[in-house]
Amino acid sequence: MMPVATTVLPSAADEIGPRRPGAIYQNVDGRFEVLALITDPRDAAQQLRRKGARWALIVRDTLRADGQPFVVGSAWTTSDYLLREGPSTPAYAPAA
């Protein structure tokens, strides 16, 4: 009996990379500010209009004066690079 080959998918965190809300990253397609990170698979699939999505980002191209927010689901690669990290904690205080 031959062994069965298994495929290990990268984790969602690996695919997202350092792209958190507030981060700015650049690649050959533009320079993008991350406005929102969607980690609920159902919401991500609905936003991206495809089955099987595990996450999605809402970004805005900062190189375009008329840059409108749009949704992306492309994984972080070696052609992407981070220009600014997003804040590690929310910039607002919880309500009392």
PDB file of N, CA and C in Angstrom:
ATOM      1  N   MET A   1       0.841  -1.178   0.000  1.00  0.00           N
ATOM      2  CA  MET A   1       0.000   0.000   0.000  1.00  0.00           C
ATOM      3  C   MET A   1       0.886   1.242   0.000  1.00  0.00           C
ATOM      4  N   MET A   2       0.587   2.167  -0.916  1.00  0.00           N
ATOM      5  CA  MET A   2       1.397   3.378  -1.045  1.00  0.00           C
ATOM      6  C   MET A   2       0.892   4.447  -0.077  1.00  0.00           C
ATOM      7  N   PRO A   3       1.819   5.245   0.474  1.00  0.00           N
ATOM      8  CA  PRO A   3       1.381   6.323   1.376  1.00  0.00           C
ATOM      9  C   PRO A   3       0.590   7.377   0.592  1.00  0.00           C
ATOM     10  N   VAL A   4      -0.363   7.978   1.272  1.00  0.00           N
ATOM     11  CA  VAL A   4      -1.196   9.020   0.677  1.00  0.00           C
ATOM     12  C   VAL A   4      -0.527  10.368   0.909  1.00  0.00           C
ATOM     13  N   ALA A   5      -0.346  11.117  -0.150  1.00  0.00           N
ATOM     14  CA  ALA A   5       0.248  12.448  -0.031  1.00  0.00           C
ATOM     15  C   ALA A   5      -0.792  13.412   0.530  1.00  0.00           C
ATOM     16  N   THR A   6      -0.377  14.232   1.442  1.00  0.00           N
ATOM     17  CA  THR A   6      -1.275  15.238   2.004  1.00  0.00           C
ATOM     18  C   THR A   6      -0.749  16.622   1.655  1.00  0.00           C
ATOM     19  N   THR A   7      -1.674  17.535   1.500  1.00  0.00           N
ATOM     20  CA  THR A   7      -1.322  18.918   1.217  1.00  0.00           C
ATOM     21  C   THR A   7      -1.635  19.752   2.447  1.00  0.00           C
ATOM     22  N   VAL A   8      -0.650  20.502   2.891  1.00  0.00           N
ATOM     23  CA  VAL A   8      -0.842  21.369   4.043  1.00  0.00           C
ATOM     24  C   VAL A   8      -1.029  22.782   3.524  1.00  0.00           C
ATOM     25  N   LEU A   9      -2.186  23.356   3.818  1.00  0.00           N
ATOM     26  CA  LEU A   9      -2.462  24.729   3.407  1.00  0.00           C
ATOM     27  C   LEU A   9      -1.816  25.698   4.384  1.00  0.00           C
ATOM     28  N   PRO A  10      -1.365  26.836   3.895  1.00  0.00           N
ATOM     29  CA  PRO A  10      -0.857  27.848   4.824  1.00  0.00           C
ATOM     30  C   PRO A  10      -1.994  28.333   5.717  1.00  0.00           C
ATOM     31  N   SER A  11      -1.646  28.769   6.897  1.00  0.00           N
ATOM     32  CA  SER A  11      -2.676  29.287   7.800  1.00  0.00           C
ATOM     33  C   SER A  11      -3.195  30.616   7.261  1.00  0.00           C
ATOM     34  N   ALA A  12      -4.374  30.987   7.703  1.00  0.00           N
ATOM     35  CA  ALA A  12      -4.937  32.282   7.316  1.00  0.00           C
ATOM     36  C   ALA A  12      -3.992  33.404   7.748  1.00  0.00           C
ATOM     37  N   ALA A  13      -3.398  33.270   8.926  1.00  0.00           N
ATOM     38  CA  ALA A  13      -2.471  34.304   9.413  1.00  0.00           C
ATOM     39  C   ALA A  13      -1.271  34.435   8.485  1.00  0.00           C
ATOM     40  N   ASP A  14      -0.769  33.310   7.958  1.00  0.00           N
ATOM     41  CA  ASP A  14       0.349  33.365   7.013  1.00  0.00           C
ATOM     42  C   ASP A  14      -0.076  34.049   5.718  1.00  0.00           C
ATOM     43  N   GLU A  15      -1.291  33.764   5.249  1.00  0.00           N
ATOM     44  CA  GLU A  15      -1.787  34.376   4.016  1.00  0.00           C
ATOM     45  C   GLU A  15      -2.020  35.877   4.181  1.00  0.00           C
ATOM     46  N   ILE A  16      -2.523  36.277   5.345  1.00  0.00           N
ATOM     47  CA  ILE A  16      -2.785  37.696   5.612  1.00  0.00           C
ATOM     48  C   ILE A  16      -1.477  38.460   5.786  1.00  0.00           C
ATOM     49  N   GLY A  17      -0.506  37.831   6.409  1.00  0.00           N
ATOM     50  CA  GLY A  17       0.779  38.484   6.661  1.00  0.00           C
ATOM     51  C   GLY A  17       0.621  39.616   7.664  1.00  0.00           C
ATOM     52  N   PRO A  18       1.386  40.690   7.516  1.00  0.00           N
ATOM     53  CA  PRO A  18       1.334  41.798   8.472  1.00  0.00           C
ATOM     54  C   PRO A  18       0.231  42.814   8.182  1.00  0.00           C
ATOM     55  N   ARG A  19      -0.703  42.458   7.322  1.00  0.00           N
ATOM     56  CA  ARG A  19      -1.745  43.411   6.913  1.00  0.00           C
ATOM     57  C   ARG A  19      -2.861  43.453   7.938  1.00  0.00           C
ATOM     58  N   ARG A  20      -2.760  44.423   8.826  1.00  0.00           N
ATOM     59  CA  ARG A  20      -3.782  44.686   9.833  1.00  0.00           C
ATOM     60  C   ARG A  20      -4.378  46.057   9.546  1.00  0.00           C
ATOM     61  N   PRO A  21      -5.573  46.337  10.051  1.00  0.00           N
ATOM     62  CA  PRO A  21      -6.154  47.672   9.827  1.00  0.00           C
ATOM     63  C   PRO A  21      -5.168  48.774  10.220  1.00  0.00           C
ATOM     64  N   GLY A  22      -5.020  49.735   9.335  1.00  0.00           N
ATOM     65  CA  GLY A  22      -4.086  50.835   9.544  1.00  0.00           C
ATOM     66  C   GLY A  22      -2.744  50.633   8.865  1.00  0.00           C
ATOM     67  N   ALA A  23      -2.436  49.398   8.482  1.00  0.00           N
ATOM     68  CA  ALA A  23      -1.165  49.111   7.814  1.00  0.00           C
ATOM     69  C   ALA A  23      -1.205  49.636   6.371  1.00  0.00           C
ATOM     70  N   ILE A  24      -0.032  49.957   5.854  1.00  0.00           N
ATOM     71  CA  ILE A  24       0.109  50.311   4.447  1.00  0.00           C
ATOM     72  C   ILE A  24       1.163  49.383   3.857  1.00  0.00           C
ATOM     73  N   TYR A  25       0.811  48.755   2.728  1.00  0.00           N
ATOM     74  CA  TYR A  25       1.751  47.877   2.050  1.00  0.00           C
ATOM     75  C   TYR A  25       1.760  48.206   0.570  1.00  0.00           C
ATOM     76  N   GLN A  26       2.804  47.757  -0.095  1.00  0.00           N
ATOM     77  CA  GLN A  26       2.948  48.056  -1.517  1.00  0.00           C
ATOM     78  C   GLN A  26       3.354  46.793  -2.260  1.00  0.00           C
ATOM     79  N   ASN A  27       2.900  46.714  -3.524  1.00  0.00           N
ATOM     80  CA  ASN A  27       3.331  45.670  -4.445  1.00  0.00           C
ATOM     81  C   ASN A  27       3.236  46.242  -5.862  1.00  0.00           C
ATOM     82  N   VAL A  28       3.362  45.412  -6.873  1.00  0.00           N
ATOM     83  CA  VAL A  28       3.357  45.914  -8.247  1.00  0.00           C
ATOM     84  C   VAL A  28       2.014  46.513  -8.646  1.00  0.00           C
ATOM     85  N   ASP A  29       0.952  46.191  -7.934  1.00  0.00           N
ATOM     86  CA  ASP A  29      -0.377  46.703  -8.261  1.00  0.00           C
ATOM     87  C   ASP A  29      -0.682  48.065  -7.659  1.00  0.00           C
ATOM     88  N   GLY A  30       0.071  48.490  -6.638  1.00  0.00           N
ATOM     89  CA  GLY A  30      -0.189  49.782  -6.012  1.00  0.00           C
ATOM     90  C   GLY A  30       0.291  49.826  -4.577  1.00  0.00           C
ATOM     91  N   ARG A  31      -0.124  50.888  -3.885  1.00  0.00           N
ATOM     92  CA  ARG A  31       0.178  51.071  -2.457  1.00  0.00           C
ATOM     93  C   ARG A  31      -1.162  51.113  -1.742  1.00  0.00           C
ATOM     94  N   PHE A  32      -1.349  50.236  -0.772  1.00  0.00           N
ATOM     95  CA  PHE A  32      -2.658  50.027  -0.187  1.00  0.00           C
ATOM     96  C   PHE A  32      -2.685  50.239   1.313  1.00  0.00           C
ATOM     97  N   GLU A  33      -3.695  50.960   1.748  1.00  0.00           N
ATOM     98  CA  GLU A  33      -3.964  51.103   3.173  1.00  0.00           C
ATOM     99  C   GLU A  33      -5.047  50.096   3.524  1.00  0.00           C
ATOM    100  N   VAL A  34      -4.804  49.309   4.574  1.00  0.00           N
ATOM    101  CA  VAL A  34      -5.776  48.320   5.013  1.00  0.00           C
ATOM    102  C   VAL A  34      -6.809  49.020   5.890  1.00  0.00           C
ATOM    103  N   LEU A  35      -8.050  49.000   5.438  1.00  0.00           N
ATOM    104  CA  LEU A  35      -9.143  49.629   6.177  1.00  0.00           C
ATOM    105  C   LEU A  35      -9.838  48.654   7.112  1.00  0.00           C
ATOM    106  N   ALA A  36      -9.936  47.386   6.698  1.00  0.00           N
ATOM    107  CA  ALA A  36     -10.603  46.377   7.525  1.00  0.00           C
ATOM    108  C   ALA A  36     -10.061  44.996   7.189  1.00  0.00           C
ATOM    109  N   LEU A  37     -10.051  44.131   8.194  1.00  0.00           N
ATOM    110  CA  LEU A  37      -9.680  42.731   8.045  1.00  0.00           C
ATOM    111  C   LEU A  37     -10.899  41.903   8.428  1.00  0.00           C
ATOM    112  N   ILE A  38     -11.360  41.068   7.518  1.00  0.00           N
ATOM    113  CA  ILE A  38     -12.536  40.223   7.748  1.00  0.00           C
ATOM    114  C   ILE A  38     -12.033  38.799   7.938  1.00  0.00           C
ATOM    115  N   THR A  39     -12.229  38.244   9.126  1.00  0.00           N
ATOM    116  CA  THR A  39     -11.737  36.901   9.408  1.00  0.00           C
ATOM    117  C   THR A  39     -12.846  35.871   9.540  1.00  0.00           C
ATOM    118  N   ASP A  40     -14.089  36.288   9.490  1.00  0.00           N
ATOM    119  CA  ASP A  40     -15.189  35.331   9.496  1.00  0.00           C
ATOM    120  C   ASP A  40     -15.316  34.763   8.078  1.00  0.00           C
ATOM    121  N   PRO A  41     -15.133  33.450   7.906  1.00  0.00           N
ATOM    122  CA  PRO A  41     -15.156  32.874   6.559  1.00  0.00           C
ATOM    123  C   PRO A  41     -16.442  33.144   5.779  1.00  0.00           C
ATOM    124  N   ARG A  42     -17.585  33.153   6.452  1.00  0.00           N
ATOM    125  CA  ARG A  42     -18.845  33.427   5.734  1.00  0.00           C
ATOM    126  C   ARG A  42     -18.869  34.860   5.218  1.00  0.00           C
ATOM    127  N   ASP A  43     -18.468  35.814   6.062  1.00  0.00           N
ATOM    128  CA  ASP A  43     -18.422  37.219   5.639  1.00  0.00           C
ATOM    129  C   ASP A  43     -17.391  37.422   4.527  1.00  0.00           C
ATOM    130  N   ALA A  44     -16.226  36.776   4.673  1.00  0.00           N
ATOM    131  CA  ALA A  44     -15.177  36.900   3.657  1.00  0.00           C
ATOM    132  C   ALA A  44     -15.658  36.343   2.317  1.00  0.00           C
ATOM    133  N   ALA A  45     -16.311  35.178   2.338  1.00  0.00           N
ATOM    134  CA  ALA A  45     -16.817  34.571   1.103  1.00  0.00           C
ATOM    135  C   ALA A  45     -17.861  35.469   0.446  1.00  0.00           C
ATOM    136  N   GLN A  46     -18.700  36.074   1.260  1.00  0.00           N
ATOM    137  CA  GLN A  46     -19.725  36.971   0.718  1.00  0.00           C
ATOM    138  C   GLN A  46     -19.084  38.214   0.107  1.00  0.00           C
ATOM    139  N   GLN A  47     -18.120  38.807   0.789  1.00  0.00           N
ATOM    140  CA  GLN A  47     -17.450  40.009   0.287  1.00  0.00           C
ATOM    141  C   GLN A  47     -16.688  39.731  -1.009  1.00  0.00           C
ATOM    142  N   LEU A  48     -16.014  38.575  -1.064  1.00  0.00           N
ATOM    143  CA  LEU A  48     -15.214  38.240  -2.237  1.00  0.00           C
ATOM    144  C   LEU A  48     -16.024  37.563  -3.341  1.00  0.00           C
ATOM    145  N   ARG A  49     -17.257  37.205  -3.003  1.00  0.00           N
ATOM    146  CA  ARG A  49     -18.148  36.513  -3.948  1.00  0.00           C
ATOM    147  C   ARG A  49     -17.529  35.229  -4.488  1.00  0.00           C
ATOM    148  N   ARG A  50     -16.960  34.467  -3.548  1.00  0.00           N
ATOM    149  CA  ARG A  50     -16.434  33.150  -3.917  1.00  0.00           C
ATOM    150  C   ARG A  50     -16.487  32.227  -2.704  1.00  0.00           C
ATOM    151  N   LYS A  51     -16.723  30.970  -2.979  1.00  0.00           N
ATOM    152  CA  LYS A  51     -16.770  29.973  -1.912  1.00  0.00           C
ATOM    153  C   LYS A  51     -15.364  29.675  -1.435  1.00  0.00           C
ATOM    154  N   GLY A  52     -15.259  29.263  -0.202  1.00  0.00           N
ATOM    155  CA  GLY A  52     -13.982  28.818   0.318  1.00  0.00           C
ATOM    156  C   GLY A  52     -13.065  29.908   0.836  1.00  0.00           C
ATOM    157  N   ALA A  53     -13.488  31.140   0.802  1.00  0.00           N
ATOM    158  CA  ALA A  53     -12.639  32.216   1.329  1.00  0.00           C
ATOM    159  C   ALA A  53     -12.545  32.081   2.851  1.00  0.00           C
ATOM    160  N   ARG A  54     -11.370  32.265   3.386  1.00  0.00           N
ATOM    161  CA  ARG A  54     -11.191  32.199   4.842  1.00  0.00           C
ATOM    162  C   ARG A  54     -11.072  33.586   5.452  1.00  0.00           C
ATOM    163  N   TRP A  55     -10.719  34.576   4.635  1.00  0.00           N
ATOM    164  CA  TRP A  55     -10.515  35.940   5.122  1.00  0.00           C
ATOM    165  C   TRP A  55     -10.584  36.883   3.923  1.00  0.00           C
ATOM    166  N   ALA A  56     -10.671  38.168   4.206  1.00  0.00           N
ATOM    167  CA  ALA A  56     -10.669  39.195   3.162  1.00  0.00           C
ATOM    168  C   ALA A  56     -10.168  40.500   3.773  1.00  0.00           C
ATOM    169  N   LEU A  57      -9.666  41.358   2.927  1.00  0.00           N
ATOM    170  CA  LEU A  57      -9.225  42.687   3.340  1.00  0.00           C
ATOM    171  C   LEU A  57     -10.001  43.731   2.558  1.00  0.00           C
ATOM    172  N   ILE A  58     -10.334  44.815   3.213  1.00  0.00           N
ATOM    173  CA  ILE A  58     -10.855  45.986   2.514  1.00  0.00           C
ATOM    174  C   ILE A  58      -9.712  46.990   2.516  1.00  0.00           C
ATOM    175  N   VAL A  59      -9.302  47.386   1.305  1.00  0.00           N
ATOM    176  CA  VAL A  59      -8.148  48.272   1.143  1.00  0.00           C
ATOM    177  C   VAL A  59      -8.509  49.452   0.262  1.00  0.00           C
ATOM    178  N   ARG A  60      -7.622  50.445   0.284  1.00  0.00           N
ATOM    179  CA  ARG A  60      -7.749  51.624  -0.574  1.00  0.00           C
ATOM    180  C   ARG A  60      -6.377  51.905  -1.146  1.00  0.00           C
ATOM    181  N   ASP A  61      -6.300  52.105  -2.468  1.00  0.00           N
ATOM    182  CA  ASP A  61      -5.029  52.415  -3.128  1.00  0.00           C
ATOM    183  C   ASP A  61      -4.682  53.877  -2.850  1.00  0.00           C
ATOM    184  N   THR A  62      -3.621  54.097  -2.104  1.00  0.00           N
ATOM    185  CA  THR A  62      -3.237  55.458  -1.714  1.00  0.00           C
ATOM    186  C   THR A  62      -2.507  56.204  -2.823  1.00  0.00           C
ATOM    187  N   LEU A  63      -2.148  55.531  -3.904  1.00  0.00           N
ATOM    188  CA  LEU A  63      -1.498  56.203  -5.030  1.00  0.00           C
ATOM    189  C   LEU A  63      -2.505  56.844  -5.972  1.00  0.00           C
ATOM    190  N   ARG A  64      -3.769  56.519  -5.798  1.00  0.00           N
ATOM    191  CA  ARG A  64      -4.822  57.072  -6.651  1.00  0.00           C
ATOM    192  C   ARG A  64      -5.591  58.124  -5.862  1.00  0.00           C
ATOM    193  N   ALA A  65      -5.685  59.309  -6.379  1.00  0.00           N
ATOM    194  CA  ALA A  65      -6.419  60.379  -5.701  1.00  0.00           C
ATOM    195  C   ALA A  65      -7.889  60.006  -5.517  1.00  0.00           C
ATOM    196  N   ASP A  66      -8.421  59.236  -6.454  1.00  0.00           N
ATOM    197  CA  ASP A  66      -9.819  58.830  -6.385  1.00  0.00           C
ATOM    198  C   ASP A  66      -9.969  57.392  -5.877  1.00  0.00           C
ATOM    199  N   GLY A  67      -8.944  56.898  -5.185  1.00  0.00           N
ATOM    200  CA  GLY A  67      -8.947  55.511  -4.724  1.00  0.00           C
ATOM    201  C   GLY A  67     -10.137  55.194  -3.826  1.00  0.00           C
ATOM    202  N   GLN A  68     -10.977  54.303  -4.287  1.00  0.00           N
ATOM    203  CA  GLN A  68     -12.149  53.875  -3.532  1.00  0.00           C
ATOM    204  C   GLN A  68     -11.845  52.535  -2.855  1.00  0.00           C
ATOM    205  N   PRO A  69     -12.397  52.297  -1.674  1.00  0.00           N
ATOM    206  CA  PRO A  69     -12.180  51.011  -0.997  1.00  0.00           C
ATOM    207  C   PRO A  69     -12.685  49.848  -1.850  1.00  0.00           C
ATOM    208  N   PHE A  70     -11.944  48.744  -1.802  1.00  0.00           N
ATOM    209  CA  PHE A  70     -12.362  47.521  -2.474  1.00  0.00           C
ATOM    210  C   PHE A  70     -11.834  46.323  -1.697  1.00  0.00           C
ATOM    211  N   VAL A  71     -12.351  45.157  -2.025  1.00  0.00           N
ATOM    212  CA  VAL A  71     -12.049  43.935  -1.281  1.00  0.00           C
ATOM    213  C   VAL A  71     -10.998  43.122  -2.035  1.00  0.00           C
ATOM    214  N   VAL A  72     -10.029  42.586  -1.282  1.00  0.00           N
ATOM    215  CA  VAL A  72      -9.024  41.691  -1.856  1.00  0.00           C
ATOM    216  C   VAL A  72      -8.920  40.431  -0.999  1.00  0.00           C
ATOM    217  N   GLY A  73      -8.485  39.367  -1.644  1.00  0.00           N
ATOM    218  CA  GLY A  73      -8.279  38.109  -0.945  1.00  0.00           C
ATOM    219  C   GLY A  73      -6.978  37.455  -1.357  1.00  0.00           C
ATOM    220  N   SER A  74      -6.053  38.234  -1.871  1.00  0.00           N
ATOM    221  CA  SER A  74      -4.774  37.683  -2.316  1.00  0.00           C
ATOM    222  C   SER A  74      -3.828  37.506  -1.130  1.00  0.00           C
ATOM    223  N   ALA A  75      -3.103  36.400  -1.141  1.00  0.00           N
ATOM    224  CA  ALA A  75      -2.179  36.081  -0.057  1.00  0.00           C
ATOM    225  C   ALA A  75      -0.950  36.983  -0.101  1.00  0.00           C
ATOM    226  N   TRP A  76      -0.385  37.211   1.066  1.00  0.00           N
ATOM    227  CA  TRP A  76       0.864  37.956   1.208  1.00  0.00           C
ATOM    228  C   TRP A  76       1.967  37.149   0.537  1.00  0.00           C
ATOM    229  N   THR A  77       2.787  37.811  -0.297  1.00  0.00           N
ATOM    230  CA  THR A  77       3.879  37.130  -0.991  1.00  0.00           C
ATOM    231  C   THR A  77       5.170  37.904  -0.812  1.00  0.00           C
ATOM    232  N   THR A  78       6.233  37.371  -1.393  1.00  0.00           N
ATOM    233  CA  THR A  78       7.534  38.047  -1.300  1.00  0.00           C
ATOM    234  C   THR A  78       7.587  39.311  -2.146  1.00  0.00           C
ATOM    235  N   SER A  79       6.605  39.528  -3.027  1.00  0.00           N
ATOM    236  CA  SER A  79       6.576  40.771  -3.804  1.00  0.00           C
ATOM    237  C   SER A  79       5.832  41.890  -3.070  1.00  0.00           C
ATOM    238  N   ASP A  80       5.222  41.580  -1.937  1.00  0.00           N
ATOM    239  CA  ASP A  80       4.574  42.591  -1.099  1.00  0.00           C
ATOM    240  C   ASP A  80       5.575  43.069  -0.051  1.00  0.00           C
ATOM    241  N   TYR A  81       5.504  44.354   0.286  1.00  0.00           N
ATOM    242  CA  TYR A  81       6.317  44.805   1.404  1.00  0.00           C
ATOM    243  C   TYR A  81       5.567  45.852   2.210  1.00  0.00           C
ATOM    244  N   LEU A  82       5.811  45.794   3.502  1.00  0.00           N
ATOM    245  CA  LEU A  82       5.120  46.637   4.460  1.00  0.00           C
ATOM    246  C   LEU A  82       5.801  47.995   4.543  1.00  0.00           C
ATOM    247  N   LEU A  83       5.012  49.058   4.404  1.00  0.00           N
ATOM    248  CA  LEU A  83       5.527  50.420   4.546  1.00  0.00           C
ATOM    249  C   LEU A  83       5.234  50.981   5.927  1.00  0.00           C
ATOM    250  N   ARG A  84       4.074  50.599   6.481  1.00  0.00           N
ATOM    251  CA  ARG A  84       3.696  51.072   7.818  1.00  0.00           C
ATOM    252  C   ARG A  84       2.866  49.987   8.484  1.00  0.00           C
ATOM    253  N   GLU A  85       3.212  49.671   9.718  1.00  0.00           N
ATOM    254  CA  GLU A  85       2.434  48.703  10.484  1.00  0.00           C
ATOM    255  C   GLU A  85       1.150  49.349  10.963  1.00  0.00           C
ATOM    256  N   GLY A  86       0.119  48.538  11.116  1.00  0.00           N
ATOM    257  CA  GLY A  86      -1.109  48.998  11.741  1.00  0.00           C
ATOM    258  C   GLY A  86      -0.907  49.033  13.241  1.00  0.00           C
ATOM    259  N   PRO A  87      -1.707  49.805  13.943  1.00  0.00           N
ATOM    260  CA  PRO A  87      -1.570  49.858  15.399  1.00  0.00           C
ATOM    261  C   PRO A  87      -1.843  48.490  16.012  1.00  0.00           C
ATOM    262  N   SER A  88      -1.123  48.153  17.065  1.00  0.00           N
ATOM    263  CA  SER A  88      -1.313  46.861  17.711  1.00  0.00           C
ATOM    264  C   SER A  88      -2.512  46.860  18.642  1.00  0.00           C
ATOM    265  N   THR A  89      -2.937  48.038  19.047  1.00  0.00           N
ATOM    266  CA  THR A  89      -4.122  48.150  19.887  1.00  0.00           C
ATOM    267  C   THR A  89      -5.060  49.171  19.265  1.00  0.00           C
ATOM    268  N   PRO A  90      -6.343  49.053  19.542  1.00  0.00           N
ATOM    269  CA  PRO A  90      -7.270  50.046  18.975  1.00  0.00           C
ATOM    270  C   PRO A  90      -6.914  51.452  19.413  1.00  0.00           C
ATOM    271  N   ALA A  91      -7.163  52.416  18.533  1.00  0.00           N
ATOM    272  CA  ALA A  91      -6.859  53.816  18.820  1.00  0.00           C
ATOM    273  C   ALA A  91      -7.976  54.478  19.624  1.00  0.00           C
ATOM    274  N   TYR A  92      -8.892  53.689  20.127  1.00  0.00           N
ATOM    275  CA  TYR A  92     -10.013  54.238  20.880  1.00  0.00           C
ATOM    276  C   TYR A  92     -10.114  53.501  22.214  1.00  0.00           C
ATOM    277  N   ALA A  93     -10.726  54.157  23.174  1.00  0.00           N
ATOM    278  CA  ALA A  93     -10.922  53.540  24.481  1.00  0.00           C
ATOM    279  C   ALA A  93     -12.304  52.902  24.547  1.00  0.00           C
ATOM    280  N   PRO A  94     -12.419  51.780  25.257  1.00  0.00           N
ATOM    281  CA  PRO A  94     -13.740  51.160  25.395  1.00  0.00           C
ATOM    282  C   PRO A  94     -14.693  52.076  26.154  1.00  0.00           C
ATOM    283  N   ALA A  95     -15.965  51.957  25.842  1.00  0.00           N
ATOM    284  CA  ALA A  95     -16.979  52.762  26.537  1.00  0.00           C
ATOM    285  C   ALA A  95     -17.055  52.337  28.008  1.00  0.00           C
ATOM    286  N   ALA A  96     -17.304  53.303  28.863  1.00  0.00           N
ATOM    287  CA  ALA A  96     -17.369  53.019  30.297  1.00  0.00           C
ATOM    288  C   ALA A  96     -18.722  52.483  30.680  1.00  0.00           C
TER     289      ALA A  96
END
